N, C-alpha and C. Protein backbone atom coordinates (compact mmCIF):
# COMPACT_ATOMS: atom_id res chain seq x y z
N UNK A 1 102.86 50.75 108.41
CA UNK A 1 104.32 50.70 109.06
C UNK A 1 104.29 51.71 108.88
N UNK A 2 105.51 52.73 110.79
CA UNK A 2 105.22 54.53 109.88
C UNK A 2 107.24 54.15 109.18
N UNK A 3 107.33 55.82 109.36
CA UNK A 3 108.91 55.65 108.07
C UNK A 3 109.53 55.03 109.46
N UNK A 4 110.51 55.05 110.08
CA UNK A 4 111.25 54.27 110.74
C UNK A 4 110.98 52.98 110.44
N UNK A 5 110.14 52.34 110.38
CA UNK A 5 109.97 50.72 110.59
C UNK A 5 109.51 50.85 108.00
N UNK A 6 109.89 51.69 108.04
CA UNK A 6 110.00 51.52 106.52
C UNK A 6 111.58 51.40 106.32
N UNK A 7 112.50 52.87 106.33
CA UNK A 7 113.99 52.71 107.14
C UNK A 7 114.80 51.90 107.08
N UNK A 8 113.97 51.19 108.69
CA UNK A 8 114.86 49.77 109.09
C UNK A 8 114.34 49.00 108.23
N UNK A 9 113.50 48.16 107.33
CA UNK A 9 112.55 47.19 106.59
C UNK A 9 113.24 47.43 104.94
N UNK A 10 113.72 48.61 104.66
CA UNK A 10 115.66 49.25 104.52
C UNK A 10 116.85 48.78 103.79
N UNK A 11 117.24 49.25 105.40
CA UNK A 11 118.61 48.68 105.56
C UNK A 11 119.10 47.28 105.56
N UNK A 12 117.80 46.16 106.35
CA UNK A 12 117.63 45.65 105.58
C UNK A 12 117.50 44.11 104.73
N UNK A 13 116.70 44.56 103.54
CA UNK A 13 115.90 45.06 102.58
C UNK A 13 118.25 44.41 102.01
N UNK A 14 118.30 45.41 101.80
CA UNK A 14 119.57 46.43 101.24
C UNK A 14 121.01 44.97 101.59
N UNK A 15 121.26 44.86 102.45
CA UNK A 15 122.11 44.54 102.99
C UNK A 15 121.31 42.51 103.29
N UNK A 16 120.21 42.20 103.05
CA UNK A 16 120.57 41.30 102.79
C UNK A 16 121.15 40.54 101.10
N UNK A 17 120.11 41.48 100.08
CA UNK A 17 120.41 41.26 99.63
C UNK A 17 121.92 41.20 99.12
N UNK A 18 122.44 42.61 99.69
CA UNK A 18 124.81 42.23 99.53
C UNK A 18 125.10 40.73 99.83
N UNK A 19 123.99 40.06 100.66
CA UNK A 19 124.89 39.04 101.44
C UNK A 19 124.83 38.03 100.83
N UNK A 20 124.02 38.12 99.94
CA UNK A 20 123.68 37.57 98.47
C UNK A 20 124.64 37.38 97.83
N UNK A 21 124.85 38.70 96.92
CA UNK A 21 125.27 38.35 95.91
C UNK A 21 127.09 38.62 97.18
N UNK A 22 127.62 38.71 97.83
CA UNK A 22 129.00 38.55 98.64
C UNK A 22 128.97 37.19 98.57
N UNK A 23 127.47 36.64 99.15
CA UNK A 23 128.73 35.63 99.78
C UNK A 23 127.99 34.19 98.13
N UNK A 24 128.11 34.45 97.61
CA UNK A 24 127.25 33.85 95.83
C UNK A 24 129.06 34.36 95.55
N UNK A 25 130.27 34.62 95.33
CA UNK A 25 131.67 35.31 94.85
C UNK A 25 132.00 34.20 94.96
N UNK A 26 132.67 33.73 94.78
CA UNK A 26 134.15 32.50 95.06
C UNK A 26 134.95 33.43 96.14
N UNK A 27 135.68 31.96 96.87
CA UNK A 27 136.45 33.31 97.39
C UNK A 27 138.11 33.09 96.64
N UNK A 28 138.27 33.01 95.54
CA UNK A 28 139.58 33.73 94.43
C UNK A 28 139.15 34.27 93.58
N UNK A 29 138.36 35.16 93.62
CA UNK A 29 137.88 35.79 92.94
C UNK A 29 137.67 36.91 93.56
N UNK A 30 137.81 36.59 95.28
CA UNK A 30 138.25 38.19 96.36
C UNK A 30 138.68 39.42 96.02
N UNK A 31 139.74 38.82 95.88
CA UNK A 31 140.75 39.59 94.84
C UNK A 31 141.07 40.71 93.09
N UNK A 32 139.17 40.43 93.22
CA UNK A 32 139.50 40.29 91.34
C UNK A 32 139.10 42.06 90.99
N UNK A 33 139.50 43.13 90.23
CA UNK A 33 139.28 43.92 90.40
C UNK A 33 139.17 44.27 88.60
N UNK A 34 138.03 44.84 87.95
CA UNK A 34 138.25 45.23 86.56
C UNK A 34 138.99 45.35 86.04
N UNK A 35 139.42 46.50 87.22
CA UNK A 35 140.67 46.93 86.36
C UNK A 35 141.82 47.74 87.30
N UNK A 36 142.70 48.70 86.94
CA UNK A 36 143.79 48.57 88.36
C UNK A 36 143.73 49.69 89.05
N UNK A 37 142.35 49.98 87.75
CA UNK A 37 141.66 51.14 88.92
C UNK A 37 141.14 50.98 90.29
N UNK A 38 139.85 50.54 90.18
CA UNK A 38 138.84 49.59 91.31
C UNK A 38 139.06 48.60 92.34
N UNK A 39 138.62 49.74 92.93
CA UNK A 39 138.33 48.40 93.85
C UNK A 39 138.51 47.13 93.49
N UNK A 40 138.88 46.21 94.51
CA UNK A 40 138.68 44.97 94.55
C UNK A 40 137.31 44.49 95.13
N UNK A 41 137.32 42.79 94.48
CA UNK A 41 136.03 43.04 95.21
C UNK A 41 135.93 42.72 96.94
N UNK A 42 137.05 42.20 97.40
CA UNK A 42 137.15 42.93 99.17
C UNK A 42 137.47 43.69 99.53
N UNK A 43 138.16 44.80 98.57
CA UNK A 43 138.42 46.36 99.50
C UNK A 43 136.38 46.97 99.33
N UNK A 44 135.77 45.90 98.33
CA UNK A 44 134.48 46.75 98.13
C UNK A 44 133.27 46.20 99.15
N UNK A 45 133.67 45.55 99.48
CA UNK A 45 133.03 44.46 100.76
C UNK A 45 133.23 45.51 101.88
N UNK A 46 133.93 45.12 101.90
CA UNK A 46 135.56 46.51 103.09
C UNK A 46 134.30 47.77 103.61
N UNK A 47 134.54 48.18 102.33
CA UNK A 47 134.57 49.24 101.75
C UNK A 47 132.74 49.63 102.57
N UNK A 48 132.31 49.02 102.35
CA UNK A 48 130.45 48.79 102.41
C UNK A 48 130.04 49.11 104.37
N UNK A 49 130.91 47.97 104.78
CA UNK A 49 130.73 47.78 106.08
C UNK A 49 132.01 48.49 107.26
N UNK A 50 132.51 49.54 106.64
CA UNK A 50 133.48 49.87 106.84
C UNK A 50 132.13 51.64 107.31
N UNK A 51 132.01 52.22 106.37
CA UNK A 51 131.52 53.55 105.42
C UNK A 51 130.20 53.35 106.42
N UNK A 52 129.49 51.88 106.50
CA UNK A 52 127.73 51.73 107.54
C UNK A 52 129.01 52.66 108.96
N UNK A 53 129.26 52.12 109.42
CA UNK A 53 130.62 52.34 110.82
C UNK A 53 130.53 54.19 111.12
N UNK A 54 131.32 54.29 109.68
CA UNK A 54 131.09 55.26 109.83
C UNK A 54 130.35 56.85 109.80
N UNK A 55 129.70 56.00 108.54
CA UNK A 55 128.24 56.53 108.88
C UNK A 55 127.34 56.98 109.98
N UNK A 56 127.26 55.25 110.80
CA UNK A 56 126.81 56.16 111.85
C UNK A 56 127.47 56.73 113.06
N UNK A 57 128.50 56.64 113.34
CA UNK A 57 129.24 57.54 114.42
C UNK A 57 128.91 59.48 113.53
N UNK A 58 128.74 58.97 112.00
CA UNK A 58 127.71 60.69 111.89
C UNK A 58 127.15 61.35 111.68
N UNK A 59 126.12 60.13 112.07
CA UNK A 59 124.72 60.04 112.63
C UNK A 59 125.23 60.53 113.89
N UNK A 60 125.40 59.42 115.03
CA UNK A 60 125.78 60.10 116.35
C UNK A 60 126.09 61.55 116.83
N UNK A 61 127.14 62.30 115.85
CA UNK A 61 127.89 63.45 115.68
C UNK A 61 126.79 64.31 115.14
N UNK A 62 125.63 64.07 114.12
CA UNK A 62 125.02 65.24 113.80
C UNK A 62 125.86 66.60 112.93
N UNK A 63 127.48 65.32 111.81
CA UNK A 63 127.55 65.17 110.65
C UNK A 63 128.79 64.66 110.73
N UNK A 64 129.79 65.27 110.15
CA UNK A 64 130.90 64.54 109.67
C UNK A 64 132.10 64.45 110.89
N UNK A 65 132.37 63.79 110.68
CA UNK A 65 133.46 63.39 111.90
C UNK A 65 135.07 64.55 111.42
N UNK A 66 135.94 64.75 112.34
CA UNK A 66 136.91 65.33 111.94
C UNK A 66 138.18 64.31 111.66
N UNK A 67 138.18 63.85 112.87
CA UNK A 67 138.98 62.16 112.60
C UNK A 67 138.25 61.22 112.72
N UNK A 68 138.74 59.89 112.41
CA UNK A 68 138.06 58.42 112.17
C UNK A 68 138.87 57.60 111.63
N UNK A 69 138.75 56.59 113.12
CA UNK A 69 139.70 55.41 113.13
C UNK A 69 139.44 54.30 113.55
N UNK A 70 139.78 53.86 111.33
CA UNK A 70 138.07 52.75 111.55
C UNK A 70 138.97 51.85 111.77
N UNK A 71 137.74 49.81 112.40
CA UNK A 71 138.34 49.23 113.16
C UNK A 71 138.95 48.64 112.40
N UNK A 72 138.40 48.98 111.07
CA UNK A 72 138.85 47.81 109.98
C UNK A 72 139.96 47.47 109.12
N UNK A 73 140.91 49.18 110.23
CA UNK A 73 142.13 49.38 109.15
C UNK A 73 143.09 48.61 109.16
N UNK A 74 143.55 47.69 110.60
CA UNK A 74 144.01 46.58 111.04
C UNK A 74 143.98 46.00 110.60
N UNK A 75 142.65 44.52 109.82
CA UNK A 75 142.45 44.19 110.20
C UNK A 75 143.13 43.31 108.20
N UNK A 76 143.29 42.08 108.32
CA UNK A 76 143.22 41.55 107.48
C UNK A 76 141.44 40.47 107.05
N UNK A 77 141.54 40.85 105.13
CA UNK A 77 140.04 40.36 105.03
C UNK A 77 140.76 39.30 104.50
N UNK A 78 140.16 38.23 104.52
CA UNK A 78 140.62 36.67 104.42
C UNK A 78 139.50 35.99 104.14
N UNK A 79 137.64 35.97 105.10
CA UNK A 79 137.28 35.22 104.70
C UNK A 79 135.85 36.09 105.04
N UNK A 80 134.79 35.92 103.81
CA UNK A 80 133.80 36.41 104.60
C UNK A 80 133.20 36.89 105.56
N UNK A 81 132.47 35.50 106.30
CA UNK A 81 132.20 34.91 106.93
C UNK A 81 132.89 35.70 108.33
N UNK A 82 134.19 35.77 108.41
CA UNK A 82 134.61 36.43 108.87
C UNK A 82 134.81 37.80 108.99
N UNK A 83 134.88 38.34 107.87
CA UNK A 83 134.53 40.40 108.06
C UNK A 83 133.21 40.63 108.50
N UNK A 84 132.75 39.06 107.67
CA UNK A 84 130.50 39.39 108.62
C UNK A 84 130.90 39.15 110.07
N UNK A 85 131.16 38.44 110.43
CA UNK A 85 131.24 38.20 112.10
C UNK A 85 132.25 39.46 113.05
N UNK A 86 133.11 39.75 112.32
CA UNK A 86 133.58 41.04 112.96
C UNK A 86 132.12 42.53 113.01
N UNK A 87 131.80 42.75 111.73
CA UNK A 87 131.06 43.25 111.52
C UNK A 87 129.64 43.60 112.22
N UNK A 88 129.67 42.58 112.93
CA UNK A 88 128.18 42.21 113.46
C UNK A 88 127.69 43.51 114.51
N UNK A 89 128.57 43.13 115.17
CA UNK A 89 128.32 44.41 116.32
C UNK A 89 128.63 45.60 115.97
N UNK A 90 129.20 46.35 115.18
CA UNK A 90 129.12 47.11 114.63
C UNK A 90 127.38 47.89 114.43
N UNK A 91 126.68 46.53 112.58
CA UNK A 91 125.41 46.63 112.55
C UNK A 91 124.57 46.73 113.59
N UNK A 92 124.85 45.78 114.49
CA UNK A 92 123.67 45.62 115.41
C UNK A 92 123.59 47.42 115.79
N UNK A 93 125.02 47.74 116.02
CA UNK A 93 124.82 49.01 116.99
C UNK A 93 124.15 50.29 116.53
N UNK A 94 124.60 50.01 115.09
CA UNK A 94 123.65 51.09 113.94
C UNK A 94 121.84 50.88 113.64
N UNK A 95 121.94 49.79 113.62
CA UNK A 95 120.26 49.29 113.58
C UNK A 95 119.62 50.20 115.13
N UNK A 96 120.05 49.91 116.13
CA UNK A 96 119.32 49.84 116.96
C UNK A 96 120.12 51.53 117.06
N UNK A 97 120.36 52.41 116.91
CA UNK A 97 120.11 53.58 116.04
C UNK A 97 118.85 53.89 115.63
N UNK A 98 118.93 53.95 114.24
CA UNK A 98 117.92 54.08 113.58
C UNK A 98 116.81 53.30 114.46
N UNK A 99 116.98 52.11 115.17
CA UNK A 99 115.22 52.44 115.33
C UNK A 99 114.84 53.25 116.84
N UNK A 100 116.30 54.48 117.50
CA UNK A 100 114.93 54.65 118.66
C UNK A 100 114.89 56.23 117.98
N UNK A 101 115.61 56.03 116.89
CA UNK A 101 114.91 57.62 116.56
C UNK A 101 113.71 57.28 116.70
N UNK A 102 112.71 58.98 116.44
CA UNK A 102 111.22 59.50 116.18
C UNK A 102 110.53 59.94 115.52
N UNK A 103 109.73 59.54 114.46
CA UNK A 103 108.82 60.10 113.58
C UNK A 103 109.81 61.84 112.97
N UNK A 104 109.61 61.75 115.07
CA UNK A 104 110.00 63.60 114.63
C UNK A 104 111.54 64.54 113.91
N UNK A 105 112.22 62.85 114.97
CA UNK A 105 113.49 62.95 114.35
C UNK A 105 114.51 62.98 112.75
N UNK A 106 113.38 62.62 112.28
CA UNK A 106 113.89 62.76 110.64
C UNK A 106 114.43 63.46 110.03
N UNK A 107 113.07 64.87 110.84
CA UNK A 107 113.11 65.67 110.12
C UNK A 107 113.83 67.18 110.94
N UNK A 108 113.88 66.72 111.96
CA UNK A 108 114.33 67.29 112.65
C UNK A 108 115.69 68.05 113.02
N UNK A 109 115.96 66.44 112.85
CA UNK A 109 117.98 66.34 113.04
C UNK A 109 118.58 66.77 111.46
N UNK A 110 119.54 67.00 111.76
CA UNK A 110 120.54 67.88 110.60
C UNK A 110 121.79 66.67 110.45
N UNK A 111 122.30 66.73 109.51
CA UNK A 111 123.38 66.30 109.65
C UNK A 111 123.62 66.53 108.73
N UNK A 112 125.26 67.38 109.38
CA UNK A 112 125.96 68.22 108.42
C UNK A 112 127.68 67.43 108.10
N UNK A 113 127.01 67.67 106.93
CA UNK A 113 128.05 67.58 106.29
C UNK A 113 128.91 67.87 104.73
N UNK A 114 128.68 69.44 105.75
CA UNK A 114 129.18 69.90 104.58
C UNK A 114 130.33 70.15 103.67
N UNK A 115 131.25 69.56 104.42
CA UNK A 115 132.70 69.36 103.85
C UNK A 115 132.58 68.31 102.99
N UNK A 116 131.21 67.78 102.49
CA UNK A 116 131.62 66.57 101.33
C UNK A 116 130.36 67.02 100.23
N UNK A 117 129.60 68.21 100.88
CA UNK A 117 128.66 69.71 99.86
C UNK A 117 127.41 69.19 100.60
N UNK A 118 126.69 68.72 101.77
CA UNK A 118 125.44 68.81 102.26
C UNK A 118 125.32 69.02 103.39
N UNK A 119 123.96 69.45 103.56
CA UNK A 119 123.31 68.87 104.75
C UNK A 119 122.09 68.47 104.66
N UNK A 120 121.59 67.27 105.26
CA UNK A 120 120.50 66.68 105.19
C UNK A 120 119.86 66.70 106.28
N UNK A 121 118.60 66.08 106.38
CA UNK A 121 117.41 65.84 107.22
C UNK A 121 118.52 64.60 107.24
N UNK A 122 118.11 64.27 108.60
CA UNK A 122 117.99 63.18 109.21
C UNK A 122 117.69 61.34 108.54
N UNK A 123 116.16 61.39 107.84
CA UNK A 123 115.83 60.83 107.35
C UNK A 123 116.01 61.07 105.98
N UNK A 124 116.85 62.02 104.78
CA UNK A 124 117.42 61.59 104.04
C UNK A 124 117.96 60.96 103.67
N UNK A 125 119.15 61.07 105.61
CA UNK A 125 120.37 60.63 105.35
C UNK A 125 120.74 59.10 105.84
N UNK A 126 119.94 58.43 105.87
CA UNK A 126 119.19 56.85 106.21
C UNK A 126 118.96 56.73 104.93
N UNK A 127 118.14 57.41 103.87
CA UNK A 127 118.22 56.33 102.96
C UNK A 127 119.94 56.82 102.32
N UNK A 128 120.47 57.81 102.33
CA UNK A 128 121.29 57.47 101.73
C UNK A 128 122.52 56.83 102.05
N UNK A 129 122.58 56.59 102.62
CA UNK A 129 122.75 55.42 103.80
C UNK A 129 122.55 53.64 103.31
N UNK A 130 121.53 53.80 102.77
CA UNK A 130 121.03 52.05 102.38
C UNK A 130 121.04 52.60 101.04
N UNK A 131 120.94 54.11 100.23
CA UNK A 131 122.20 53.87 98.48
C UNK A 131 122.83 53.55 97.92
N UNK A 132 123.60 54.08 99.79
CA UNK A 132 125.78 53.66 98.95
C UNK A 132 125.68 52.26 98.94
N UNK A 133 125.28 51.69 100.11
CA UNK A 133 125.30 49.89 100.03
C UNK A 133 124.56 49.60 98.83
N UNK A 134 123.60 49.46 97.88
CA UNK A 134 122.98 49.80 97.38
C UNK A 134 123.42 49.80 95.24
N UNK A 135 124.09 51.28 95.81
CA UNK A 135 124.80 51.24 94.74
C UNK A 135 126.04 50.00 94.23
N UNK A 136 126.95 49.92 96.07
CA UNK A 136 128.10 49.17 95.52
C UNK A 136 127.44 47.71 95.56
N UNK A 137 126.60 47.14 95.33
CA UNK A 137 126.01 45.84 95.26
C UNK A 137 125.88 46.08 93.72
N UNK A 138 125.05 46.90 93.06
CA UNK A 138 125.53 46.50 91.85
C UNK A 138 126.70 47.09 91.13
N UNK A 139 127.66 47.55 91.78
CA UNK A 139 129.09 47.17 91.34
C UNK A 139 129.25 45.97 90.66
N UNK A 140 129.05 45.77 92.02
CA UNK A 140 130.41 44.11 92.49
C UNK A 140 129.03 42.92 91.31
N UNK A 141 127.29 43.61 91.76
CA UNK A 141 127.29 42.44 89.92
C UNK A 141 127.66 42.43 88.83
N UNK A 142 127.99 43.30 88.48
CA UNK A 142 128.73 44.18 87.67
C UNK A 142 130.34 43.45 87.46
N UNK A 143 130.29 43.67 88.30
CA UNK A 143 132.12 42.81 88.15
C UNK A 143 131.97 41.58 88.11
N UNK A 144 130.77 40.81 88.53
CA UNK A 144 131.27 39.38 88.17
C UNK A 144 130.74 38.72 87.09
N UNK A 145 129.73 39.64 86.62
CA UNK A 145 129.37 39.60 84.74
C UNK A 145 130.69 39.89 83.93
N UNK A 146 131.51 40.78 84.50
CA UNK A 146 133.07 41.09 83.39
C UNK A 146 134.37 39.60 84.34
N UNK A 147 133.43 39.26 84.68
CA UNK A 147 134.51 38.00 85.27
C UNK A 147 134.28 36.96 84.67
N UNK A 148 132.70 37.25 84.37
CA UNK A 148 132.33 36.02 83.95
C UNK A 148 131.52 34.46 84.70
N UNK A 149 131.27 35.24 85.80
CA UNK A 149 131.53 34.71 86.74
C UNK A 149 128.89 34.94 86.92
N UNK A 150 128.48 34.04 87.99
CA UNK A 150 127.49 33.29 87.42
C UNK A 150 126.60 34.87 88.57
N UNK A 151 125.88 35.10 88.03
CA UNK A 151 125.42 36.03 88.91
C UNK A 151 124.27 36.31 90.03
N UNK A 152 123.98 35.29 91.10
CA UNK A 152 122.96 35.69 92.27
C UNK A 152 121.75 35.62 92.06
N UNK A 153 120.88 35.57 92.09
CA UNK A 153 118.94 35.86 91.81
C UNK A 153 119.55 36.73 93.03
N UNK A 154 118.95 38.12 93.43
CA UNK A 154 118.53 39.54 94.04
C UNK A 154 117.18 39.87 93.89
N UNK A 155 115.98 39.12 93.18
CA UNK A 155 114.62 39.83 93.22
C UNK A 155 114.24 39.28 93.47
N UNK A 156 113.98 38.19 94.69
CA UNK A 156 113.47 36.87 94.71
C UNK A 156 112.05 37.86 96.00
């Protein structure tokens, strides 16, 4: 397995486990949040999906975007399945871009995100994208614990 294949596998595994968590959440809890300052469950799911689309565009731009029009902005989150169906095209485009990179691209391409404090290699950035989603998966597991809901088994 080369580095690109490992990154693809990691992105797929993180998303698979996220979906296990997301699908375990009762619909009536999608608006739940642990406190008034926190994202609701559906806002966090939306944040993960929208962020991946932003990151994809930033990869193509080799840096942060000066402007971003979210395709999610005008949508109302009603059902998880609808949200995942809507996101499928964006996810496929992102994954196809990742698969198109070469081993050399992982170190050669630099992603300039000075606006948020860093410039990193493409390989580093791809791992950060997976980590971002994984962190939010952990947050949602904590949300479920705090709400007294059953937490799904993600360590299969």
